[in-house]
Amino acid sequence: MNKWVAGARPRTLPAAIVPVAVGTACAVGEVADGLIWWRAMAALVVAVAIQVATNYANDYSDGIRGTDADERRVGPVRLVGQGLADPRSVKLAAYAAFAVAGVAGVALAIAVGPELIAVGAASFLAGWFYTGGPHPYGYAGLGEVFVFVFFGVVATVGSAYVQTEGIEGLAVAASMPVGLIATALLVVNNLRDIPGDTAVGKHTLAVRLGDLRTRYLYVVLVVGT
């Protein structure tokens, strides 16, 4: 597999696709002339591009911090940490993916309203500062909160919003299980990474809870879904 494709972590992309599909489905019957398909496709581009950008941004930030250099770390390809690409190139790849999301987002904002610009900007910041910046929230055990909010509520409700131009109760309700299962994916990944994260001082929620309680949390999230 091409290293840049592997670095984009394609197995994570369903977490971006599902909320768009669910949110769009919630708008069926709510739009007088039927779904506006180009808006659904644009929302999908935004969601997938932000996911890819976040993956590259995390690779870059963890790599330059040395977090991914620990030999005990397992899981997906780390471009910077494994020396497969230089940090600047990975950062540019993240910027390029954010730019793709931005172009599709601006098109939606022109058609729907400028409020989408604010939502998009918040999503970009959440993606970058998960592991980036001087105080990454992913290192403080807050990653699960932001995944639930942005990959659950924001992405699902937002995908319905670009169709109906209003916040629908069904979309809000449907965003809850979407957010829970997305959070469960992060929890199980962080469970896997407890030994490596502990060694490098990355205090994820899983590190703070410990192995057993993290497993309980995962079960709660799946049952809740």
N, C-alpha and C. Protein backbone atom coordinates (compact mmCIF):
# COMPACT_ATOMS: atom_id res chain seq x y z
N MET A 1 0.85 -1.21 0.00
CA MET A 1 0.00 0.00 0.00
C MET A 1 0.88 1.25 0.00
N ASN A 2 0.52 2.25 -0.79
CA ASN A 2 1.24 3.51 -0.82
C ASN A 2 1.29 4.11 0.58
N LYS A 3 2.45 4.66 0.94
CA LYS A 3 2.61 5.15 2.31
C LYS A 3 1.67 6.29 2.64
N TRP A 4 1.33 7.13 1.66
CA TRP A 4 0.43 8.25 1.92
C TRP A 4 -1.00 7.78 2.11
N VAL A 5 -1.38 6.74 1.40
CA VAL A 5 -2.70 6.15 1.61
C VAL A 5 -2.75 5.51 3.00
N ALA A 6 -1.70 4.77 3.34
CA ALA A 6 -1.64 4.15 4.67
C ALA A 6 -1.64 5.21 5.77
N GLY A 7 -0.91 6.32 5.52
CA GLY A 7 -0.84 7.39 6.51
C GLY A 7 -2.16 8.11 6.71
N ALA A 8 -3.02 8.07 5.69
CA ALA A 8 -4.35 8.67 5.81
C ALA A 8 -5.28 7.81 6.65
N ARG A 9 -4.85 6.57 6.96
CA ARG A 9 -5.58 5.64 7.80
C ARG A 9 -7.00 5.38 7.28
N PRO A 10 -7.08 4.74 6.10
CA PRO A 10 -8.39 4.54 5.47
C PRO A 10 -9.38 3.76 6.31
N ARG A 11 -8.91 2.93 7.24
CA ARG A 11 -9.84 2.18 8.08
C ARG A 11 -10.64 3.07 9.03
N THR A 12 -10.18 4.31 9.21
CA THR A 12 -10.91 5.24 10.07
C THR A 12 -12.01 5.99 9.32
N LEU A 13 -12.02 5.90 8.01
CA LEU A 13 -12.93 6.72 7.22
C LEU A 13 -14.41 6.42 7.42
N PRO A 14 -14.80 5.18 7.73
CA PRO A 14 -16.22 4.97 8.03
C PRO A 14 -16.75 5.87 9.15
N ALA A 15 -15.87 6.27 10.07
CA ALA A 15 -16.31 7.17 11.15
C ALA A 15 -16.70 8.54 10.60
N ALA A 16 -16.20 8.88 9.41
CA ALA A 16 -16.58 10.14 8.76
C ALA A 16 -17.78 9.94 7.83
N ILE A 17 -17.87 8.77 7.23
CA ILE A 17 -18.94 8.51 6.26
C ILE A 17 -20.29 8.28 6.94
N VAL A 18 -20.29 7.52 8.03
CA VAL A 18 -21.54 7.15 8.69
C VAL A 18 -22.37 8.35 9.14
N PRO A 19 -21.79 9.35 9.83
CA PRO A 19 -22.65 10.47 10.25
C PRO A 19 -23.26 11.24 9.09
N VAL A 20 -22.57 11.32 7.97
CA VAL A 20 -23.14 12.00 6.79
C VAL A 20 -24.31 11.19 6.26
N ALA A 21 -24.14 9.87 6.19
CA ALA A 21 -25.21 9.01 5.70
C ALA A 21 -26.43 9.08 6.62
N VAL A 22 -26.19 9.03 7.92
CA VAL A 22 -27.29 9.06 8.89
C VAL A 22 -27.98 10.42 8.87
N GLY A 23 -27.20 11.49 8.88
CA GLY A 23 -27.78 12.83 8.87
C GLY A 23 -28.58 13.10 7.61
N THR A 24 -28.06 12.65 6.47
CA THR A 24 -28.78 12.83 5.21
C THR A 24 -30.07 12.03 5.22
N ALA A 25 -30.01 10.81 5.77
CA ALA A 25 -31.21 9.97 5.85
C ALA A 25 -32.28 10.64 6.72
N CYS A 26 -31.85 11.34 7.76
CA CYS A 26 -32.80 12.02 8.64
C CYS A 26 -33.55 13.15 7.92
N ALA A 27 -32.96 13.63 6.83
CA ALA A 27 -33.59 14.73 6.08
C ALA A 27 -34.59 14.24 5.05
N VAL A 28 -34.63 12.92 4.82
CA VAL A 28 -35.58 12.38 3.84
C VAL A 28 -37.01 12.71 4.28
N GLY A 29 -37.79 13.27 3.38
CA GLY A 29 -39.16 13.64 3.71
C GLY A 29 -39.30 15.02 4.30
N GLU A 30 -38.17 15.64 4.66
CA GLU A 30 -38.20 16.98 5.25
C GLU A 30 -37.93 18.07 4.22
N VAL A 31 -37.46 17.67 3.05
CA VAL A 31 -37.15 18.62 1.98
C VAL A 31 -38.23 18.50 0.91
N ALA A 32 -38.89 19.60 0.63
CA ALA A 32 -40.08 19.58 -0.25
C ALA A 32 -39.80 18.94 -1.60
N ASP A 33 -38.69 19.27 -2.21
CA ASP A 33 -38.39 18.77 -3.56
C ASP A 33 -37.44 17.58 -3.55
N GLY A 34 -37.27 16.96 -2.40
CA GLY A 34 -36.37 15.81 -2.30
C GLY A 34 -34.97 16.23 -1.91
N LEU A 35 -34.16 15.27 -1.59
CA LEU A 35 -32.78 15.55 -1.16
C LEU A 35 -32.01 16.30 -2.23
N ILE A 36 -31.14 17.19 -1.77
CA ILE A 36 -30.26 17.94 -2.68
C ILE A 36 -28.94 17.19 -2.69
N TRP A 37 -28.75 16.39 -3.71
CA TRP A 37 -27.67 15.41 -3.68
C TRP A 37 -26.29 16.03 -3.72
N TRP A 38 -26.13 17.16 -4.42
CA TRP A 38 -24.79 17.74 -4.44
C TRP A 38 -24.38 18.21 -3.05
N ARG A 39 -25.36 18.65 -2.24
CA ARG A 39 -25.04 19.05 -0.87
C ARG A 39 -24.63 17.83 -0.04
N ALA A 40 -25.28 16.71 -0.26
CA ALA A 40 -24.90 15.49 0.46
C ALA A 40 -23.48 15.08 0.08
N MET A 41 -23.15 15.16 -1.20
CA MET A 41 -21.80 14.80 -1.65
C MET A 41 -20.76 15.77 -1.10
N ALA A 42 -21.10 17.06 -1.07
CA ALA A 42 -20.18 18.05 -0.52
C ALA A 42 -19.95 17.82 0.97
N ALA A 43 -21.04 17.49 1.69
CA ALA A 43 -20.90 17.19 3.12
C ALA A 43 -20.00 15.97 3.33
N LEU A 44 -20.12 14.98 2.45
CA LEU A 44 -19.28 13.79 2.54
C LEU A 44 -17.81 14.15 2.30
N VAL A 45 -17.57 14.99 1.31
CA VAL A 45 -16.20 15.44 1.03
C VAL A 45 -15.63 16.16 2.25
N VAL A 46 -16.42 17.04 2.84
CA VAL A 46 -15.96 17.77 4.02
C VAL A 46 -15.59 16.80 5.14
N ALA A 47 -16.49 15.86 5.43
CA ALA A 47 -16.26 14.94 6.55
C ALA A 47 -15.04 14.06 6.33
N VAL A 48 -14.93 13.48 5.13
CA VAL A 48 -13.80 12.58 4.85
C VAL A 48 -12.49 13.37 4.83
N ALA A 49 -12.50 14.55 4.23
CA ALA A 49 -11.28 15.36 4.16
C ALA A 49 -10.83 15.80 5.54
N ILE A 50 -11.76 16.15 6.42
CA ILE A 50 -11.38 16.52 7.78
C ILE A 50 -10.81 15.32 8.52
N GLN A 51 -11.39 14.14 8.31
CA GLN A 51 -10.86 12.93 8.94
C GLN A 51 -9.42 12.66 8.48
N VAL A 52 -9.20 12.74 7.16
CA VAL A 52 -7.86 12.52 6.62
C VAL A 52 -6.89 13.58 7.14
N ALA A 53 -7.33 14.83 7.13
CA ALA A 53 -6.48 15.92 7.62
C ALA A 53 -6.11 15.70 9.09
N THR A 54 -7.09 15.29 9.89
CA THR A 54 -6.83 15.04 11.30
C THR A 54 -5.84 13.90 11.48
N ASN A 55 -5.97 12.86 10.67
CA ASN A 55 -5.03 11.74 10.76
C ASN A 55 -3.61 12.18 10.43
N TYR A 56 -3.46 12.96 9.37
CA TYR A 56 -2.13 13.47 9.03
C TYR A 56 -1.61 14.42 10.11
N ALA A 57 -2.49 15.27 10.62
CA ALA A 57 -2.08 16.22 11.67
C ALA A 57 -1.63 15.49 12.92
N ASN A 58 -2.35 14.44 13.28
CA ASN A 58 -1.95 13.66 14.45
C ASN A 58 -0.61 12.97 14.22
N ASP A 59 -0.43 12.44 13.01
CA ASP A 59 0.84 11.79 12.66
C ASP A 59 1.98 12.79 12.79
N TYR A 60 1.76 14.00 12.26
CA TYR A 60 2.79 15.03 12.32
C TYR A 60 3.10 15.44 13.76
N SER A 61 2.05 15.76 14.52
CA SER A 61 2.27 16.28 15.88
C SER A 61 2.86 15.22 16.80
N ASP A 62 2.33 13.99 16.74
CA ASP A 62 2.90 12.92 17.56
C ASP A 62 4.32 12.61 17.14
N GLY A 63 4.57 12.71 15.83
CA GLY A 63 5.90 12.41 15.33
C GLY A 63 6.95 13.39 15.80
N ILE A 64 6.65 14.69 15.73
CA ILE A 64 7.67 15.67 16.13
C ILE A 64 7.84 15.71 17.65
N ARG A 65 6.83 15.26 18.38
CA ARG A 65 6.96 15.16 19.84
C ARG A 65 7.76 13.93 20.26
N GLY A 66 7.91 12.99 19.35
CA GLY A 66 8.60 11.75 19.68
C GLY A 66 7.68 10.69 20.25
N THR A 67 6.38 10.99 20.29
CA THR A 67 5.43 10.04 20.86
C THR A 67 5.41 8.73 20.09
N ASP A 68 5.50 8.81 18.76
CA ASP A 68 5.41 7.61 17.94
C ASP A 68 6.73 6.89 17.75
N ALA A 69 7.79 7.41 18.37
CA ALA A 69 9.10 6.79 18.20
C ALA A 69 9.29 5.58 19.12
N ASP A 70 8.43 5.48 20.15
CA ASP A 70 8.57 4.38 21.10
C ASP A 70 8.31 3.05 20.38
N GLU A 71 9.22 2.11 20.53
CA GLU A 71 9.13 0.83 19.81
C GLU A 71 7.95 -0.03 20.27
N ARG A 72 7.36 0.31 21.41
CA ARG A 72 6.22 -0.46 21.91
C ARG A 72 4.90 -0.06 21.26
N ARG A 73 4.90 1.03 20.50
CA ARG A 73 3.67 1.47 19.87
C ARG A 73 3.31 0.56 18.71
N VAL A 74 2.04 0.21 18.63
CA VAL A 74 1.54 -0.65 17.56
C VAL A 74 0.41 0.08 16.86
N GLY A 75 -0.25 -0.60 15.91
CA GLY A 75 -1.37 0.03 15.23
C GLY A 75 -1.00 0.50 13.84
N PRO A 76 -1.64 1.59 13.37
CA PRO A 76 -1.47 2.03 11.98
C PRO A 76 -0.08 2.59 11.70
N VAL A 77 0.20 2.76 10.42
CA VAL A 77 1.46 3.36 9.98
C VAL A 77 1.59 4.76 10.54
N ARG A 78 2.78 5.09 11.04
CA ARG A 78 3.10 6.45 11.48
C ARG A 78 4.19 6.99 10.56
N LEU A 79 3.82 7.91 9.69
CA LEU A 79 4.75 8.39 8.66
C LEU A 79 5.98 9.06 9.26
N VAL A 80 5.75 9.96 10.21
CA VAL A 80 6.87 10.69 10.82
C VAL A 80 7.59 9.80 11.82
N GLY A 81 6.84 9.16 12.70
CA GLY A 81 7.45 8.36 13.76
C GLY A 81 8.28 7.21 13.23
N GLN A 82 7.90 6.65 12.10
CA GLN A 82 8.63 5.53 11.52
C GLN A 82 9.63 5.97 10.46
N GLY A 83 9.76 7.28 10.27
CA GLY A 83 10.73 7.80 9.32
C GLY A 83 10.36 7.57 7.86
N LEU A 84 9.08 7.39 7.58
CA LEU A 84 8.65 7.14 6.20
C LEU A 84 8.46 8.42 5.40
N ALA A 85 8.31 9.54 6.08
CA ALA A 85 8.15 10.84 5.41
C ALA A 85 8.65 11.92 6.36
N ASP A 86 9.13 13.02 5.78
CA ASP A 86 9.62 14.08 6.65
C ASP A 86 8.43 14.87 7.21
N PRO A 87 8.59 15.43 8.41
CA PRO A 87 7.48 16.11 9.08
C PRO A 87 6.83 17.21 8.24
N ARG A 88 7.62 17.99 7.52
CA ARG A 88 7.06 19.09 6.74
C ARG A 88 6.10 18.57 5.69
N SER A 89 6.43 17.45 5.03
CA SER A 89 5.56 16.89 4.00
C SER A 89 4.25 16.40 4.60
N VAL A 90 4.32 15.82 5.78
CA VAL A 90 3.10 15.33 6.43
C VAL A 90 2.22 16.50 6.85
N LYS A 91 2.85 17.56 7.35
CA LYS A 91 2.08 18.75 7.72
C LYS A 91 1.41 19.36 6.50
N LEU A 92 2.12 19.41 5.38
CA LEU A 92 1.53 19.94 4.15
C LEU A 92 0.38 19.06 3.67
N ALA A 93 0.50 17.75 3.86
CA ALA A 93 -0.59 16.84 3.48
C ALA A 93 -1.83 17.13 4.32
N ALA A 94 -1.61 17.42 5.61
CA ALA A 94 -2.74 17.77 6.48
C ALA A 94 -3.38 19.07 6.00
N TYR A 95 -2.55 20.06 5.69
CA TYR A 95 -3.07 21.34 5.20
C TYR A 95 -3.86 21.15 3.90
N ALA A 96 -3.34 20.30 3.01
CA ALA A 96 -4.01 20.07 1.73
C ALA A 96 -5.39 19.44 1.95
N ALA A 97 -5.47 18.49 2.87
CA ALA A 97 -6.77 17.85 3.15
C ALA A 97 -7.73 18.85 3.79
N PHE A 98 -7.22 19.67 4.70
CA PHE A 98 -8.07 20.73 5.27
C PHE A 98 -8.56 21.68 4.17
N ALA A 99 -7.70 21.97 3.19
CA ALA A 99 -8.08 22.86 2.10
C ALA A 99 -9.20 22.26 1.26
N VAL A 100 -9.12 20.95 0.99
CA VAL A 100 -10.20 20.28 0.25
C VAL A 100 -11.51 20.40 1.02
N ALA A 101 -11.45 20.16 2.33
CA ALA A 101 -12.65 20.31 3.16
C ALA A 101 -13.15 21.75 3.12
N GLY A 102 -12.23 22.69 3.13
CA GLY A 102 -12.60 24.10 3.11
C GLY A 102 -13.32 24.50 1.84
N VAL A 103 -12.85 24.02 0.70
CA VAL A 103 -13.49 24.35 -0.58
C VAL A 103 -14.91 23.82 -0.62
N ALA A 104 -15.09 22.56 -0.24
CA ALA A 104 -16.44 21.98 -0.23
C ALA A 104 -17.31 22.67 0.80
N GLY A 105 -16.72 23.03 1.94
CA GLY A 105 -17.47 23.72 2.99
C GLY A 105 -17.92 25.10 2.58
N VAL A 106 -17.07 25.82 1.87
CA VAL A 106 -17.45 27.16 1.39
C VAL A 106 -18.60 27.06 0.40
N ALA A 107 -18.57 26.06 -0.45
CA ALA A 107 -19.68 25.87 -1.41
C ALA A 107 -20.99 25.66 -0.65
N LEU A 108 -20.95 24.86 0.40
CA LEU A 108 -22.15 24.64 1.21
C LEU A 108 -22.57 25.92 1.93
N ALA A 109 -21.59 26.67 2.43
CA ALA A 109 -21.90 27.92 3.14
C ALA A 109 -22.57 28.93 2.21
N ILE A 110 -22.13 28.99 0.96
CA ILE A 110 -22.74 29.90 -0.01
C ILE A 110 -24.19 29.51 -0.25
N ALA A 111 -24.44 28.20 -0.31
CA ALA A 111 -25.79 27.72 -0.61
C ALA A 111 -26.71 27.75 0.60
N VAL A 112 -26.15 27.51 1.79
CA VAL A 112 -26.98 27.34 2.99
C VAL A 112 -26.91 28.54 3.92
N GLY A 113 -25.69 28.96 4.27
CA GLY A 113 -25.56 30.08 5.19
C GLY A 113 -24.17 30.17 5.78
N PRO A 114 -23.76 31.38 6.20
CA PRO A 114 -22.40 31.58 6.71
C PRO A 114 -22.13 30.89 8.04
N GLU A 115 -23.18 30.45 8.73
CA GLU A 115 -22.96 29.75 10.00
C GLU A 115 -22.13 28.48 9.81
N LEU A 116 -22.17 27.94 8.59
CA LEU A 116 -21.38 26.73 8.33
C LEU A 116 -19.89 27.02 8.36
N ILE A 117 -19.50 28.26 8.09
CA ILE A 117 -18.08 28.63 8.16
C ILE A 117 -17.58 28.46 9.60
N ALA A 118 -18.38 28.92 10.56
CA ALA A 118 -18.00 28.80 11.96
C ALA A 118 -17.90 27.34 12.39
N VAL A 119 -18.87 26.54 11.94
CA VAL A 119 -18.85 25.11 12.28
C VAL A 119 -17.62 24.44 11.68
N GLY A 120 -17.32 24.78 10.44
CA GLY A 120 -16.15 24.20 9.79
C GLY A 120 -14.86 24.61 10.47
N ALA A 121 -14.76 25.89 10.84
CA ALA A 121 -13.55 26.36 11.51
C ALA A 121 -13.34 25.64 12.84
N ALA A 122 -14.43 25.45 13.58
CA ALA A 122 -14.33 24.73 14.86
C ALA A 122 -13.89 23.30 14.64
N SER A 123 -14.38 22.68 13.57
CA SER A 123 -13.99 21.30 13.25
C SER A 123 -12.51 21.22 12.88
N PHE A 124 -12.03 22.20 12.12
CA PHE A 124 -10.61 22.24 11.76
C PHE A 124 -9.74 22.36 13.01
N LEU A 125 -10.12 23.27 13.89
CA LEU A 125 -9.34 23.47 15.11
C LEU A 125 -9.33 22.22 15.97
N ALA A 126 -10.50 21.57 16.06
CA ALA A 126 -10.58 20.34 16.86
C ALA A 126 -9.67 19.27 16.27
N GLY A 127 -9.62 19.18 14.94
CA GLY A 127 -8.77 18.20 14.30
C GLY A 127 -7.29 18.46 14.52
N TRP A 128 -6.89 19.73 14.45
CA TRP A 128 -5.47 20.06 14.59
C TRP A 128 -5.00 19.94 16.04
N PHE A 129 -5.79 20.45 16.96
CA PHE A 129 -5.34 20.52 18.35
C PHE A 129 -5.60 19.26 19.16
N TYR A 130 -6.07 18.20 18.49
CA TYR A 130 -6.20 16.92 19.18
C TYR A 130 -4.84 16.48 19.71
N THR A 131 -3.83 16.55 18.86
CA THR A 131 -2.47 16.27 19.32
C THR A 131 -1.52 17.42 19.02
N GLY A 132 -2.01 18.49 18.39
CA GLY A 132 -1.16 19.61 18.01
C GLY A 132 -1.21 20.75 19.01
N GLY A 133 -0.30 21.71 18.84
CA GLY A 133 -0.27 22.87 19.71
C GLY A 133 0.42 22.58 21.04
N PRO A 134 0.59 23.61 21.86
CA PRO A 134 1.31 23.43 23.13
C PRO A 134 0.53 22.62 24.17
N HIS A 135 -0.79 22.59 24.06
CA HIS A 135 -1.61 21.87 25.04
C HIS A 135 -2.65 21.01 24.33
N PRO A 136 -2.24 19.93 23.68
CA PRO A 136 -3.18 19.10 22.93
C PRO A 136 -4.20 18.44 23.86
N TYR A 137 -5.47 18.55 23.51
CA TYR A 137 -6.50 18.01 24.41
C TYR A 137 -6.52 16.49 24.41
N GLY A 138 -6.00 15.87 23.35
CA GLY A 138 -5.91 14.42 23.32
C GLY A 138 -4.96 13.87 24.36
N TYR A 139 -3.99 14.68 24.77
CA TYR A 139 -3.01 14.28 25.79
C TYR A 139 -3.55 14.54 27.20
N ALA A 140 -4.71 15.17 27.28
CA ALA A 140 -5.29 15.50 28.58
C ALA A 140 -6.53 14.67 28.89
N GLY A 141 -6.78 13.65 28.07
CA GLY A 141 -7.90 12.77 28.33
C GLY A 141 -9.24 13.29 27.84
N LEU A 142 -9.23 14.28 26.93
CA LEU A 142 -10.47 14.87 26.45
C LEU A 142 -10.83 14.47 25.03
N GLY A 143 -10.07 13.57 24.45
CA GLY A 143 -10.32 13.18 23.07
C GLY A 143 -11.70 12.60 22.85
N GLU A 144 -12.17 11.79 23.81
CA GLU A 144 -13.48 11.16 23.65
C GLU A 144 -14.60 12.18 23.59
N VAL A 145 -14.49 13.24 24.38
CA VAL A 145 -15.52 14.28 24.39
C VAL A 145 -15.62 14.93 23.01
N PHE A 146 -14.49 15.26 22.44
CA PHE A 146 -14.49 15.95 21.16
C PHE A 146 -14.91 15.03 20.02
N VAL A 147 -14.56 13.75 20.10
CA VAL A 147 -15.01 12.81 19.07
C VAL A 147 -16.52 12.68 19.10
N PHE A 148 -17.10 12.57 20.31
CA PHE A 148 -18.55 12.48 20.42
C PHE A 148 -19.21 13.72 19.84
N VAL A 149 -18.68 14.89 20.16
CA VAL A 149 -19.29 16.13 19.70
C VAL A 149 -19.15 16.30 18.19
N PHE A 150 -17.93 16.14 17.67
CA PHE A 150 -17.70 16.48 16.26
C PHE A 150 -18.02 15.34 15.30
N PHE A 151 -17.68 14.09 15.65
CA PHE A 151 -17.97 12.99 14.75
C PHE A 151 -19.35 12.41 14.99
N GLY A 152 -19.99 12.84 16.07
CA GLY A 152 -21.35 12.42 16.33
C GLY A 152 -22.34 13.53 16.06
N VAL A 153 -22.44 14.46 16.99
CA VAL A 153 -23.47 15.49 16.93
C VAL A 153 -23.27 16.43 15.74
N VAL A 154 -22.11 17.04 15.65
CA VAL A 154 -21.89 18.06 14.61
C VAL A 154 -22.01 17.46 13.21
N ALA A 155 -21.35 16.33 12.97
CA ALA A 155 -21.36 15.76 11.62
C ALA A 155 -22.74 15.27 11.21
N THR A 156 -23.46 14.64 12.14
CA THR A 156 -24.78 14.11 11.80
C THR A 156 -25.81 15.21 11.65
N VAL A 157 -25.89 16.09 12.65
CA VAL A 157 -26.86 17.19 12.59
C VAL A 157 -26.51 18.12 11.43
N GLY A 158 -25.21 18.35 11.22
CA GLY A 158 -24.79 19.22 10.13
C GLY A 158 -25.17 18.68 8.77
N SER A 159 -25.08 17.36 8.59
CA SER A 159 -25.44 16.75 7.31
C SER A 159 -26.93 16.87 7.02
N ALA A 160 -27.73 16.81 8.08
CA ALA A 160 -29.17 17.05 7.90
C ALA A 160 -29.44 18.53 7.67
N TYR A 161 -28.69 19.38 8.36
CA TYR A 161 -28.89 20.83 8.29
C TYR A 161 -28.68 21.36 6.86
N VAL A 162 -27.68 20.83 6.17
CA VAL A 162 -27.43 21.35 4.82
C VAL A 162 -28.55 20.98 3.85
N GLN A 163 -29.37 20.02 4.24
CA GLN A 163 -30.54 19.66 3.44
C GLN A 163 -31.77 20.48 3.84
N THR A 164 -32.05 20.54 5.14
CA THR A 164 -33.30 21.14 5.63
C THR A 164 -33.14 22.60 6.01
N GLU A 165 -31.87 23.02 6.23
CA GLU A 165 -31.55 24.38 6.69
C GLU A 165 -32.22 24.67 8.04
N GLY A 166 -32.32 23.63 8.84
CA GLY A 166 -32.84 23.74 10.20
C GLY A 166 -32.36 22.56 11.01
N ILE A 167 -32.42 22.68 12.33
CA ILE A 167 -32.01 21.59 13.21
C ILE A 167 -33.23 20.73 13.52
N GLU A 168 -33.17 19.47 13.11
CA GLU A 168 -34.29 18.56 13.27
C GLU A 168 -34.06 17.66 14.49
N GLY A 169 -35.14 17.41 15.24
CA GLY A 169 -35.05 16.57 16.42
C GLY A 169 -34.57 15.16 16.10
N LEU A 170 -35.02 14.61 14.96
CA LEU A 170 -34.61 13.27 14.58
C LEU A 170 -33.09 13.21 14.37
N ALA A 171 -32.53 14.23 13.73
CA ALA A 171 -31.09 14.25 13.48
C ALA A 171 -30.32 14.34 14.79
N VAL A 172 -30.80 15.15 15.72
CA VAL A 172 -30.15 15.27 17.03
C VAL A 172 -30.17 13.92 17.74
N ALA A 173 -31.34 13.25 17.74
CA ALA A 173 -31.46 11.95 18.39
C ALA A 173 -30.55 10.92 17.72
N ALA A 174 -30.53 10.92 16.40
CA ALA A 174 -29.73 9.94 15.66
C ALA A 174 -28.23 10.18 15.85
N SER A 175 -27.86 11.42 16.16
CA SER A 175 -26.44 11.73 16.35
C SER A 175 -25.88 11.09 17.62
N MET A 176 -26.74 10.75 18.57
CA MET A 176 -26.25 10.18 19.82
C MET A 176 -25.59 8.82 19.62
N PRO A 177 -26.27 7.83 19.01
CA PRO A 177 -25.58 6.55 18.78
C PRO A 177 -24.40 6.66 17.84
N VAL A 178 -24.48 7.57 16.87
CA VAL A 178 -23.33 7.77 15.97
C VAL A 178 -22.13 8.25 16.78
N GLY A 179 -22.36 9.21 17.67
CA GLY A 179 -21.28 9.70 18.51
C GLY A 179 -20.74 8.66 19.47
N LEU A 180 -21.63 7.84 20.02
CA LEU A 180 -21.20 6.80 20.96
C LEU A 180 -20.32 5.76 20.28
N ILE A 181 -20.70 5.33 19.08
CA ILE A 181 -19.90 4.30 18.42
C ILE A 181 -18.57 4.87 17.93
N ALA A 182 -18.56 6.13 17.51
CA ALA A 182 -17.30 6.77 17.13
C ALA A 182 -16.38 6.88 18.33
N THR A 183 -16.96 7.23 19.47
CA THR A 183 -16.17 7.32 20.70
C THR A 183 -15.64 5.95 21.11
N ALA A 184 -16.46 4.92 20.91
CA ALA A 184 -16.01 3.56 21.23
C ALA A 184 -14.80 3.17 20.40
N LEU A 185 -14.76 3.60 19.14
CA LEU A 185 -13.61 3.31 18.28
C LEU A 185 -12.34 3.95 18.85
N LEU A 186 -12.46 5.18 19.31
CA LEU A 186 -11.30 5.84 19.91
C LEU A 186 -10.89 5.15 21.20
N VAL A 187 -11.87 4.77 22.01
CA VAL A 187 -11.57 4.12 23.29
C VAL A 187 -10.81 2.81 23.07
N VAL A 188 -11.26 2.01 22.10
CA VAL A 188 -10.59 0.73 21.90
C VAL A 188 -9.19 0.93 21.32
N ASN A 189 -9.01 1.96 20.50
CA ASN A 189 -7.66 2.27 20.01
C ASN A 189 -6.76 2.73 21.15
N ASN A 190 -7.29 3.57 22.03
CA ASN A 190 -6.50 4.05 23.16
C ASN A 190 -6.23 2.94 24.17
N LEU A 191 -7.16 1.96 24.26
CA LEU A 191 -6.91 0.79 25.10
C LEU A 191 -5.69 0.04 24.60
N ARG A 192 -5.64 -0.17 23.29
CA ARG A 192 -4.48 -0.82 22.67
C ARG A 192 -3.19 -0.08 22.97
N ASP A 193 -3.27 1.25 23.00
CA ASP A 193 -2.07 2.09 23.12
C ASP A 193 -1.68 2.41 24.55
N ILE A 194 -2.37 1.87 25.55
CA ILE A 194 -2.06 2.23 26.94
C ILE A 194 -0.58 2.05 27.28
N PRO A 195 0.04 0.91 26.96
CA PRO A 195 1.47 0.77 27.33
C PRO A 195 2.36 1.83 26.70
N GLY A 196 2.19 2.04 25.38
CA GLY A 196 3.02 3.03 24.70
C GLY A 196 2.74 4.45 25.14
N ASP A 197 1.45 4.79 25.31
CA ASP A 197 1.08 6.14 25.74
C ASP A 197 1.58 6.43 27.15
N THR A 198 1.51 5.44 28.01
CA THR A 198 2.01 5.61 29.38
C THR A 198 3.50 5.90 29.37
N ALA A 199 4.22 5.18 28.52
CA ALA A 199 5.67 5.33 28.47
C ALA A 199 6.11 6.71 28.02
N VAL A 200 5.31 7.34 27.13
CA VAL A 200 5.72 8.64 26.58
C VAL A 200 4.97 9.81 27.23
N GLY A 201 4.17 9.52 28.26
CA GLY A 201 3.49 10.60 28.98
C GLY A 201 2.27 11.14 28.27
N LYS A 202 1.63 10.34 27.43
CA LYS A 202 0.41 10.76 26.75
C LYS A 202 -0.77 10.30 27.61
N HIS A 203 -1.37 11.22 28.34
CA HIS A 203 -2.38 10.87 29.33
C HIS A 203 -3.78 10.84 28.74
N THR A 204 -4.02 9.87 27.87
CA THR A 204 -5.35 9.70 27.31
C THR A 204 -6.31 9.26 28.41
N LEU A 205 -7.59 9.26 28.09
CA LEU A 205 -8.57 8.81 29.07
C LEU A 205 -8.31 7.35 29.45
N ALA A 206 -7.90 6.54 28.48
CA ALA A 206 -7.60 5.13 28.76
C ALA A 206 -6.44 5.00 29.74
N VAL A 207 -5.41 5.82 29.58
CA VAL A 207 -4.28 5.80 30.51
C VAL A 207 -4.75 6.20 31.91
N ARG A 208 -5.61 7.20 31.98
CA ARG A 208 -6.10 7.67 33.27
C ARG A 208 -7.00 6.64 33.95
N LEU A 209 -7.82 5.95 33.16
CA LEU A 209 -8.74 4.97 33.73
C LEU A 209 -8.07 3.63 34.03
N GLY A 210 -7.08 3.28 33.23
CA GLY A 210 -6.47 1.97 33.35
C GLY A 210 -7.17 0.96 32.45
N ASP A 211 -6.54 -0.20 32.30
CA ASP A 211 -7.01 -1.21 31.35
C ASP A 211 -8.45 -1.67 31.64
N LEU A 212 -8.72 -2.12 32.86
CA LEU A 212 -10.02 -2.72 33.17
C LEU A 212 -11.16 -1.72 33.02
N ARG A 213 -11.01 -0.53 33.60
CA ARG A 213 -12.10 0.45 33.52
C ARG A 213 -12.30 0.97 32.11
N THR A 214 -11.23 0.98 31.31
CA THR A 214 -11.39 1.35 29.90
C THR A 214 -12.21 0.30 29.17
N ARG A 215 -12.02 -0.96 29.49
CA ARG A 215 -12.83 -2.02 28.89
C ARG A 215 -14.30 -1.87 29.28
N TYR A 216 -14.55 -1.52 30.53
CA TYR A 216 -15.92 -1.27 30.97
C TYR A 216 -16.53 -0.11 30.19
N LEU A 217 -15.75 0.95 30.02
CA LEU A 217 -16.24 2.11 29.28
C LEU A 217 -16.59 1.72 27.85
N TYR A 218 -15.76 0.92 27.23
CA TYR A 218 -16.03 0.47 25.87
C TYR A 218 -17.36 -0.29 25.80
N VAL A 219 -17.58 -1.17 26.74
CA VAL A 219 -18.84 -1.94 26.76
C VAL A 219 -20.03 -1.00 26.93
N VAL A 220 -19.90 -0.01 27.82
CA VAL A 220 -20.98 0.96 28.04
C VAL A 220 -21.30 1.71 26.75
N LEU A 221 -20.28 2.12 26.04
CA LEU A 221 -20.48 2.86 24.79
C LEU A 221 -21.17 2.01 23.73
N VAL A 222 -20.76 0.76 23.61
CA VAL A 222 -21.35 -0.13 22.61
C VAL A 222 -22.80 -0.44 22.97
N VAL A 223 -23.05 -0.75 24.25
CA VAL A 223 -24.42 -1.03 24.69
C VAL A 223 -25.29 0.22 24.52
N GLY A 224 -24.71 1.37 24.84
CA GLY A 224 -25.43 2.63 24.67
C GLY A 224 -25.80 2.90 23.23
N THR A 225 -24.90 2.54 22.33
CA THR A 225 -25.17 2.68 20.89
C THR A 225 -26.36 1.82 20.48
